[in-house]
Amino acid sequence: MKKGRIFWGVLFILIGIFLVISKLGYLPNVNVFSLLLTAFLVVVIVKSLLRLNFAGILFPIAFICIIYDKQLGITNITPWTVLVAALLGSVGLSMIFHKRTKWVNTKYNCEDYKFEKIDVEDESNVKFKNSFGATMKYINSDNFEQADFNCSFGAMKVYFDNAIMRNDNAIVSINASFSGIELYVPKTWNIEDKTNVFLGSINEKNKNNQITTNTLTLVGTINFSGVEIIYI
């Protein structure tokens, strides 16, 4: 709730600033919708900077360039040039600053993708990263408390059927950009979604109405990605 108030507070402040700038003649012919969208994109950029999420930084900048291309005199490079530049910049920066985690693993073919199968003993806090690849991870823990998943430009499947929570609840932090993530969880678990989603989605499959015994809380940021929760 506190984060929500801060978000909307910053958003309204930015809208007020842009309205004043527009009336001063610096941004002529800018409508209210453009101001609202710009304020939202600026907030996304700030949040992405804190997490060093390059796609969340460059694509909002590209959209702002598209919105104000006439005022900035860059109509000859919008929209596709700036979007392609944002994509290439995101890929390049992710390759430079996000190193792939090294694992001893085997290869597994599934749905036309070559997945790296990770099946090892885990501690209470599981950390897992994947970039530019497809990886399958089995959570094997008798005192599971938290998992941190980072996936950029890749595919990730995570199985929780061998995970036993230390308490009645656990947390999964997801930071995904241009990725597809599948979470396979027991049908007796309840999912509580507290993620921030930008141009992405979270879907559930095979959910039933039986009594739940544990709660898995999802947090983090999902940009240009899809997360699918599959109950097994």
C-alpha atoms as a PDB file:
ATOM      1  CA  MET A   1       0.000   0.000   0.000  1.00  0.00           C
ATOM      2  CA  LYS A   2       2.823   2.400   0.832  1.00  0.00           C
ATOM      3  CA  LYS A   3       4.533   1.713  -2.493  1.00  0.00           C
ATOM      4  CA  GLY A   4       1.239   2.339  -4.287  1.00  0.00           C
ATOM      5  CA  ARG A   5       0.810   5.725  -2.627  1.00  0.00           C
ATOM      6  CA  ILE A   6       4.363   6.693  -3.508  1.00  0.00           C
ATOM      7  CA  PHE A   7       3.836   5.620  -7.118  1.00  0.00           C
ATOM      8  CA  TRP A   8       0.637   7.624  -7.566  1.00  0.00           C
ATOM      9  CA  GLY A   9       2.067  10.567  -5.672  1.00  0.00           C
ATOM     10  CA  VAL A  10       5.085  10.734  -7.974  1.00  0.00           C
ATOM     11  CA  LEU A  11       2.814  10.240 -10.985  1.00  0.00           C
ATOM     12  CA  PHE A  12       0.592  13.214 -10.111  1.00  0.00           C
ATOM     13  CA  ILE A  13       3.618  15.401  -9.380  1.00  0.00           C
ATOM     14  CA  LEU A  14       5.113  14.566 -12.771  1.00  0.00           C
ATOM     15  CA  ILE A  15       1.805  15.292 -14.504  1.00  0.00           C
ATOM     16  CA  GLY A  16       1.705  18.703 -12.824  1.00  0.00           C
ATOM     17  CA  ILE A  17       5.263  19.448 -13.926  1.00  0.00           C
ATOM     18  CA  PHE A  18       4.529  18.474 -17.521  1.00  0.00           C
ATOM     19  CA  LEU A  19       1.362  20.598 -17.549  1.00  0.00           C
ATOM     20  CA  VAL A  20       3.332  23.664 -16.428  1.00  0.00           C
ATOM     21  CA  ILE A  21       6.058  22.986 -19.019  1.00  0.00           C
ATOM     22  CA  SER A  22       3.411  22.586 -21.720  1.00  0.00           C
ATOM     23  CA  LYS A  23       1.694  25.874 -20.820  1.00  0.00           C
ATOM     24  CA  LEU A  24       5.053  27.631 -20.942  1.00  0.00           C
ATOM     25  CA  GLY A  25       5.310  26.641 -24.595  1.00  0.00           C
ATOM     26  CA  TYR A  26       8.146  24.156 -24.317  1.00  0.00           C
ATOM     27  CA  LEU A  27       5.896  21.228 -25.256  1.00  0.00           C
ATOM     28  CA  PRO A  28       3.148  22.652 -27.473  1.00  0.00           C
ATOM     29  CA  ASN A  29       0.205  20.538 -28.617  1.00  0.00           C
ATOM     30  CA  VAL A  30       0.705  17.891 -25.948  1.00  0.00           C
ATOM     31  CA  ASN A  31      -2.563  16.324 -24.751  1.00  0.00           C
ATOM     32  CA  VAL A  32      -3.384  15.024 -21.297  1.00  0.00           C
ATOM     33  CA  PHE A  33      -3.146  11.380 -22.393  1.00  0.00           C
ATOM     34  CA  SER A  34       0.406  11.953 -23.584  1.00  0.00           C
ATOM     35  CA  LEU A  35       1.257  13.550 -20.260  1.00  0.00           C
ATOM     36  CA  LEU A  36      -0.213  10.631 -18.313  1.00  0.00           C
ATOM     37  CA  LEU A  37       1.633   8.106 -20.452  1.00  0.00           C
ATOM     38  CA  THR A  38       4.880  10.056 -20.165  1.00  0.00           C
ATOM     39  CA  ALA A  39       4.609  10.253 -16.391  1.00  0.00           C
ATOM     40  CA  PHE A  40       3.994   6.505 -16.208  1.00  0.00           C
ATOM     41  CA  LEU A  41       6.984   5.782 -18.457  1.00  0.00           C
ATOM     42  CA  VAL A  42       9.238   7.993 -16.349  1.00  0.00           C
ATOM     43  CA  VAL A  43       8.208   6.080 -13.235  1.00  0.00           C
ATOM     44  CA  VAL A  44       9.005   2.807 -15.029  1.00  0.00           C
ATOM     45  CA  ILE A  45      12.431   4.168 -15.982  1.00  0.00           C
ATOM     46  CA  VAL A  46      13.195   5.178 -12.401  1.00  0.00           C
ATOM     47  CA  LYS A  47      12.141   1.788 -11.011  1.00  0.00           C
ATOM     48  CA  SER A  48      14.130   0.011 -13.713  1.00  0.00           C
ATOM     49  CA  LEU A  49      17.222   2.059 -12.928  1.00  0.00           C
ATOM     50  CA  LEU A  50      17.089   0.859  -9.331  1.00  0.00           C
ATOM     51  CA  ARG A  51      17.071  -2.759 -10.545  1.00  0.00           C
ATOM     52  CA  LEU A  52      19.425  -2.135 -13.492  1.00  0.00           C
ATOM     53  CA  ASN A  53      16.735  -3.447 -15.838  1.00  0.00           C
ATOM     54  CA  PHE A  54      17.969  -2.305 -19.248  1.00  0.00           C
ATOM     55  CA  ALA A  55      14.813  -3.167 -21.209  1.00  0.00           C
ATOM     56  CA  GLY A  56      12.740  -1.301 -18.649  1.00  0.00           C
ATOM     57  CA  ILE A  57      14.980   1.739 -19.167  1.00  0.00           C
ATOM     58  CA  LEU A  58      15.502   1.847 -22.918  1.00  0.00           C
ATOM     59  CA  PHE A  59      12.024   0.932 -24.173  1.00  0.00           C
ATOM     60  CA  PRO A  60      10.203   3.604 -22.132  1.00  0.00           C
ATOM     61  CA  ILE A  61      12.745   6.124 -23.448  1.00  0.00           C
ATOM     62  CA  ALA A  62      11.969   4.922 -26.976  1.00  0.00           C
ATOM     63  CA  PHE A  63       8.224   5.351 -26.374  1.00  0.00           C
ATOM     64  CA  ILE A  64       8.780   8.865 -25.051  1.00  0.00           C
ATOM     65  CA  CYS A  65      10.751   9.665 -28.211  1.00  0.00           C
ATOM     66  CA  ILE A  66       7.828   8.390 -30.290  1.00  0.00           C
ATOM     67  CA  ILE A  67       5.288  10.450 -28.341  1.00  0.00           C
ATOM     68  CA  TYR A  68       7.284  13.676 -28.719  1.00  0.00           C
ATOM     69  CA  ASP A  69       8.980  13.036 -32.056  1.00  0.00           C
ATOM     70  CA  LYS A  70       7.582  16.208 -33.643  1.00  0.00           C
ATOM     71  CA  GLN A  71       8.602  18.426 -30.737  1.00  0.00           C
ATOM     72  CA  LEU A  72      12.064  16.841 -30.692  1.00  0.00           C
ATOM     73  CA  GLY A  73      12.438  16.922 -34.475  1.00  0.00           C
ATOM     74  CA  ILE A  74      13.137  13.200 -34.780  1.00  0.00           C
ATOM     75  CA  THR A  75      10.202  12.050 -36.899  1.00  0.00           C
ATOM     76  CA  ASN A  76      12.636  10.490 -39.408  1.00  0.00           C
ATOM     77  CA  ILE A  77      13.720   7.853 -36.873  1.00  0.00           C
ATOM     78  CA  THR A  78      10.368   7.017 -35.256  1.00  0.00           C
ATOM     79  CA  PRO A  79       8.908   4.634 -34.512  1.00  0.00           C
ATOM     80  CA  TRP A  80      10.860   1.622 -35.766  1.00  0.00           C
ATOM     81  CA  THR A  81      14.409   2.950 -35.602  1.00  0.00           C
ATOM     82  CA  VAL A  82      14.179   3.936 -31.945  1.00  0.00           C
ATOM     83  CA  LEU A  83      12.418   0.659 -31.056  1.00  0.00           C
ATOM     84  CA  VAL A  84      15.073  -1.430 -32.796  1.00  0.00           C
ATOM     85  CA  ALA A  85      17.781   0.656 -31.132  1.00  0.00           C
ATOM     86  CA  ALA A  86      16.144   0.033 -27.735  1.00  0.00           C
ATOM     87  CA  LEU A  87      16.008  -3.706 -28.433  1.00  0.00           C
ATOM     88  CA  LEU A  88      19.641  -3.887 -29.546  1.00  0.00           C
ATOM     89  CA  GLY A  89      20.744  -1.750 -26.630  1.00  0.00           C
ATOM     90  CA  SER A  90      18.870  -3.979 -24.178  1.00  0.00           C
ATOM     91  CA  VAL A  91      20.424  -7.118 -25.648  1.00  0.00           C
ATOM     92  CA  GLY A  92      23.914  -5.640 -25.695  1.00  0.00           C
ATOM     93  CA  LEU A  93      23.815  -4.287 -22.156  1.00  0.00           C
ATOM     94  CA  SER A  94      22.310  -7.523 -20.832  1.00  0.00           C
ATOM     95  CA  MET A  95      25.130  -9.500 -22.436  1.00  0.00           C
ATOM     96  CA  ILE A  96      27.748  -7.217 -20.907  1.00  0.00           C
ATOM     97  CA  PHE A  97      26.402  -6.856 -17.374  1.00  0.00           C
ATOM     98  CA  HIS A  98      24.476 -10.091 -16.786  1.00  0.00           C
ATOM     99  CA  LYS A  99      26.709 -13.106 -16.559  1.00  0.00           C
ATOM    100  CA  ARG A 100      25.132 -16.483 -16.936  1.00  0.00           C
ATOM    101  CA  THR A 101      25.255 -18.783 -13.927  1.00  0.00           C
ATOM    102  CA  LYS A 102      27.436 -21.859 -14.447  1.00  0.00           C
ATOM    103  CA  TRP A 103      25.952 -25.230 -13.522  1.00  0.00           C
ATOM    104  CA  VAL A 104      26.865 -28.875 -13.898  1.00  0.00           C
ATOM    105  CA  ASN A 105      23.880 -30.132 -15.844  1.00  0.00           C
ATOM    106  CA  THR A 106      22.445 -32.383 -18.514  1.00  0.00           C
ATOM    107  CA  LYS A 107      20.612 -31.497 -21.710  1.00  0.00           C
ATOM    108  CA  TYR A 108      16.895 -32.035 -22.067  1.00  0.00           C
ATOM    109  CA  ASN A 109      14.744 -31.527 -25.152  1.00  0.00           C
ATOM    110  CA  CYS A 110      11.244 -30.201 -24.547  1.00  0.00           C
ATOM    111  CA  GLU A 111       8.784 -28.443 -26.854  1.00  0.00           C
ATOM    112  CA  ASP A 112      11.381 -27.629 -29.496  1.00  0.00           C
ATOM    113  CA  TYR A 113      13.677 -26.002 -26.938  1.00  0.00           C
ATOM    114  CA  LYS A 114      16.908 -27.391 -25.584  1.00  0.00           C
ATOM    115  CA  PHE A 115      16.578 -26.987 -21.836  1.00  0.00           C
ATOM    116  CA  GLU A 116      19.375 -27.206 -19.320  1.00  0.00           C
ATOM    117  CA  LYS A 117      18.109 -29.439 -16.527  1.00  0.00           C
ATOM    118  CA  ILE A 118      19.150 -28.351 -13.024  1.00  0.00           C
ATOM    119  CA  ASP A 119      18.326 -30.979 -10.398  1.00  0.00           C
ATOM    120  CA  VAL A 120      20.439 -30.507  -7.247  1.00  0.00           C
ATOM    121  CA  GLU A 121      19.895 -30.174  -3.505  1.00  0.00           C
ATOM    122  CA  ASP A 122      18.900 -26.644  -2.503  1.00  0.00           C
ATOM    123  CA  GLU A 123      19.027 -24.577   0.659  1.00  0.00           C
ATOM    124  CA  SER A 124      16.174 -22.516   2.089  1.00  0.00           C
ATOM    125  CA  ASN A 125      17.028 -19.590  -0.219  1.00  0.00           C
ATOM    126  CA  VAL A 126      17.354 -20.518  -3.888  1.00  0.00           C
ATOM    127  CA  LYS A 127      18.965 -18.159  -6.409  1.00  0.00           C
ATOM    128  CA  PHE A 128      18.706 -18.880 -10.102  1.00  0.00           C
ATOM    129  CA  LYS A 129      19.659 -16.836 -13.184  1.00  0.00           C
ATOM    130  CA  ASN A 130      19.205 -17.421 -16.887  1.00  0.00           C
ATOM    131  CA  SER A 131      19.990 -15.286 -19.941  1.00  0.00           C
ATOM    132  CA  PHE A 132      19.652 -16.092 -23.626  1.00  0.00           C
ATOM    133  CA  GLY A 133      18.833 -19.738 -22.999  1.00  0.00           C
ATOM    134  CA  ALA A 134      16.219 -22.225 -21.825  1.00  0.00           C
ATOM    135  CA  THR A 135      16.589 -23.784 -18.391  1.00  0.00           C
ATOM    136  CA  MET A 136      14.591 -26.205 -16.274  1.00  0.00           C
ATOM    137  CA  LYS A 137      15.052 -26.012 -12.509  1.00  0.00           C
ATOM    138  CA  TYR A 138      13.827 -28.427  -9.808  1.00  0.00           C
ATOM    139  CA  ILE A 139      13.526 -26.967  -6.317  1.00  0.00           C
ATOM    140  CA  ASN A 140      14.736 -29.688  -3.922  1.00  0.00           C
ATOM    141  CA  SER A 141      14.535 -28.298  -0.397  1.00  0.00           C
ATOM    142  CA  ASP A 142      13.068 -29.506   2.905  1.00  0.00           C
ATOM    143  CA  ASN A 143      13.028 -26.004   4.398  1.00  0.00           C
ATOM    144  CA  PHE A 144      12.158 -23.781   1.440  1.00  0.00           C
ATOM    145  CA  GLU A 145      11.663 -20.092   2.274  1.00  0.00           C
ATOM    146  CA  GLN A 146      12.558 -17.953  -0.728  1.00  0.00           C
ATOM    147  CA  ALA A 147      13.609 -18.135  -4.373  1.00  0.00           C
ATOM    148  CA  ASP A 148      15.103 -15.397  -6.537  1.00  0.00           C
ATOM    149  CA  PHE A 149      14.669 -15.874 -10.281  1.00  0.00           C
ATOM    150  CA  ASN A 150      16.278 -13.579 -12.867  1.00  0.00           C
ATOM    151  CA  CYS A 151      15.543 -14.300 -16.518  1.00  0.00           C
ATOM    152  CA  SER A 152      16.321 -12.108 -19.514  1.00  0.00           C
ATOM    153  CA  PHE A 153      15.728 -13.031 -23.141  1.00  0.00           C
ATOM    154  CA  GLY A 154      15.196 -16.666 -22.224  1.00  0.00           C
ATOM    155  CA  ALA A 155      12.850 -19.414 -21.085  1.00  0.00           C
ATOM    156  CA  MET A 156      12.643 -20.872 -17.607  1.00  0.00           C
ATOM    157  CA  LYS A 157      10.684 -23.752 -16.101  1.00  0.00           C
ATOM    158  CA  VAL A 158      10.684 -24.239 -12.335  1.00  0.00           C
ATOM    159  CA  TYR A 159       9.194 -27.222 -10.501  1.00  0.00           C
ATOM    160  CA  PHE A 160       8.175 -26.872  -6.851  1.00  0.00           C
ATOM    161  CA  ASP A 161       6.690 -30.347  -6.302  1.00  0.00           C
ATOM    162  CA  ASN A 162       9.813 -31.426  -4.364  1.00  0.00           C
ATOM    163  CA  ALA A 163       9.870 -28.272  -2.236  1.00  0.00           C
ATOM    164  CA  ILE A 164       8.721 -28.377   1.387  1.00  0.00           C
ATOM    165  CA  MET A 165       8.147 -24.981   2.975  1.00  0.00           C
ATOM    166  CA  ARG A 166       9.724 -24.309   6.361  1.00  0.00           C
ATOM    167  CA  ASN A 167       6.624 -22.328   7.320  1.00  0.00           C
ATOM    168  CA  ASP A 168       3.194 -22.044   5.733  1.00  0.00           C
ATOM    169  CA  ASN A 169       4.377 -19.433   3.231  1.00  0.00           C
ATOM    170  CA  ALA A 170       7.334 -18.660   1.016  1.00  0.00           C
ATOM    171  CA  ILE A 171       8.386 -15.909  -1.375  1.00  0.00           C
ATOM    172  CA  VAL A 172       9.434 -16.052  -5.020  1.00  0.00           C
ATOM    173  CA  SER A 173      11.072 -12.940  -6.439  1.00  0.00           C
ATOM    174  CA  ILE A 174      10.915 -12.753 -10.239  1.00  0.00           C
ATOM    175  CA  ASN A 175      12.767 -10.247 -12.403  1.00  0.00           C
ATOM    176  CA  ALA A 176      11.961 -11.077 -16.025  1.00  0.00           C
ATOM    177  CA  SER A 177      12.607  -9.214 -19.274  1.00  0.00           C
ATOM    178  CA  PHE A 178      11.619 -10.545 -22.702  1.00  0.00           C
ATOM    179  CA  SER A 179      11.203 -14.028 -21.268  1.00  0.00           C
ATOM    180  CA  GLY A 180       8.763 -16.836 -20.681  1.00  0.00           C
ATOM    181  CA  ILE A 181       8.586 -18.434 -17.232  1.00  0.00           C
ATOM    182  CA  GLU A 182       6.569 -21.462 -16.163  1.00  0.00           C
ATOM    183  CA  LEU A 183       6.109 -22.257 -12.468  1.00  0.00           C
ATOM    184  CA  TYR A 184       4.853 -25.748 -11.624  1.00  0.00           C
ATOM    185  CA  VAL A 185       3.386 -25.728  -8.122  1.00  0.00           C
ATOM    186  CA  PRO A 186       1.380 -28.244  -6.044  1.00  0.00           C
ATOM    187  CA  LYS A 187      -2.394 -27.899  -6.267  1.00  0.00           C
ATOM    188  CA  THR A 188      -2.572 -27.411  -2.508  1.00  0.00           C
ATOM    189  CA  TRP A 189      -0.593 -24.184  -2.731  1.00  0.00           C
ATOM    190  CA  ASN A 190      -2.177 -20.765  -2.987  1.00  0.00           C
ATOM    191  CA  ILE A 191      -0.529 -18.094  -5.175  1.00  0.00           C
ATOM    192  CA  GLU A 192      -0.513 -14.487  -4.016  1.00  0.00           C
ATOM    193  CA  ASP A 193       0.576 -12.156  -6.807  1.00  0.00           C
ATOM    194  CA  LYS A 194       2.309  -8.913  -5.782  1.00  0.00           C
ATOM    195  CA  THR A 195       4.465  -8.428  -8.882  1.00  0.00           C
ATOM    196  CA  ASN A 196       4.789  -5.280 -10.969  1.00  0.00           C
ATOM    197  CA  VAL A 197       3.900  -6.095 -14.582  1.00  0.00           C
ATOM    198  CA  PHE A 198       4.706  -3.861 -17.561  1.00  0.00           C
ATOM    199  CA  LEU A 199       3.571  -5.102 -20.985  1.00  0.00           C
ATOM    200  CA  GLY A 200       3.411  -8.676 -19.700  1.00  0.00           C
ATOM    201  CA  SER A 201       1.035 -11.131 -18.081  1.00  0.00           C
ATOM    202  CA  ILE A 202       0.601 -13.729 -15.323  1.00  0.00           C
ATOM    203  CA  ASN A 203      -1.749 -16.646 -15.979  1.00  0.00           C
ATOM    204  CA  GLU A 204      -2.859 -19.698 -14.009  1.00  0.00           C
ATOM    205  CA  LYS A 205      -3.707 -23.180 -15.297  1.00  0.00           C
ATOM    206  CA  ASN A 206      -5.311 -26.236 -13.643  1.00  0.00           C
ATOM    207  CA  LYS A 207      -6.257 -24.351 -10.506  1.00  0.00           C
ATOM    208  CA  ASN A 208      -8.788 -26.124  -8.291  1.00  0.00           C
ATOM    209  CA  ASN A 209     -10.895 -25.128  -5.309  1.00  0.00           C
ATOM    210  CA  GLN A 210      -9.571 -27.608  -2.788  1.00  0.00           C
ATOM    211  CA  ILE A 211      -8.246 -26.553   0.599  1.00  0.00           C
ATOM    212  CA  THR A 212      -4.846 -24.881   0.406  1.00  0.00           C
ATOM    213  CA  THR A 213      -2.062 -25.664   2.855  1.00  0.00           C
ATOM    214  CA  ASN A 214       0.640 -23.183   1.841  1.00  0.00           C
ATOM    215  CA  THR A 215       0.939 -19.752   0.253  1.00  0.00           C
ATOM    216  CA  LEU A 216       3.520 -18.777  -2.346  1.00  0.00           C
ATOM    217  CA  THR A 217       3.872 -15.008  -2.716  1.00  0.00           C
ATOM    218  CA  LEU A 218       5.194 -13.666  -6.019  1.00  0.00           C
ATOM    219  CA  VAL A 219       7.063 -10.346  -6.012  1.00  0.00           C
ATOM    220  CA  GLY A 220       9.374  -8.587  -8.446  1.00  0.00           C
ATOM    221  CA  THR A 221       9.128  -7.006 -11.882  1.00  0.00           C
ATOM    222  CA  ILE A 222       7.915  -8.528 -15.138  1.00  0.00           C
ATOM    223  CA  ASN A 223       8.652  -6.531 -18.292  1.00  0.00           C
ATOM    224  CA  PHE A 224       7.709  -7.719 -21.788  1.00  0.00           C
ATOM    225  CA  SER A 225       7.378 -11.235 -20.362  1.00  0.00           C
ATOM    226  CA  GLY A 226       4.829 -13.886 -19.560  1.00  0.00           C
ATOM    227  CA  VAL A 227       4.600 -15.953 -16.379  1.00  0.00           C
ATOM    228  CA  GLU A 228       2.417 -19.044 -16.321  1.00  0.00           C
ATOM    229  CA  ILE A 229       1.542 -20.811 -13.076  1.00  0.00           C
ATOM    230  CA  ILE A 230       0.655 -24.464 -13.628  1.00  0.00           C
ATOM    231  CA  TYR A 231      -0.849 -26.469 -10.758  1.00  0.00           C
ATOM    232  CA  ILE A 232       0.245 -30.118 -10.635  1.00  0.00           C
END
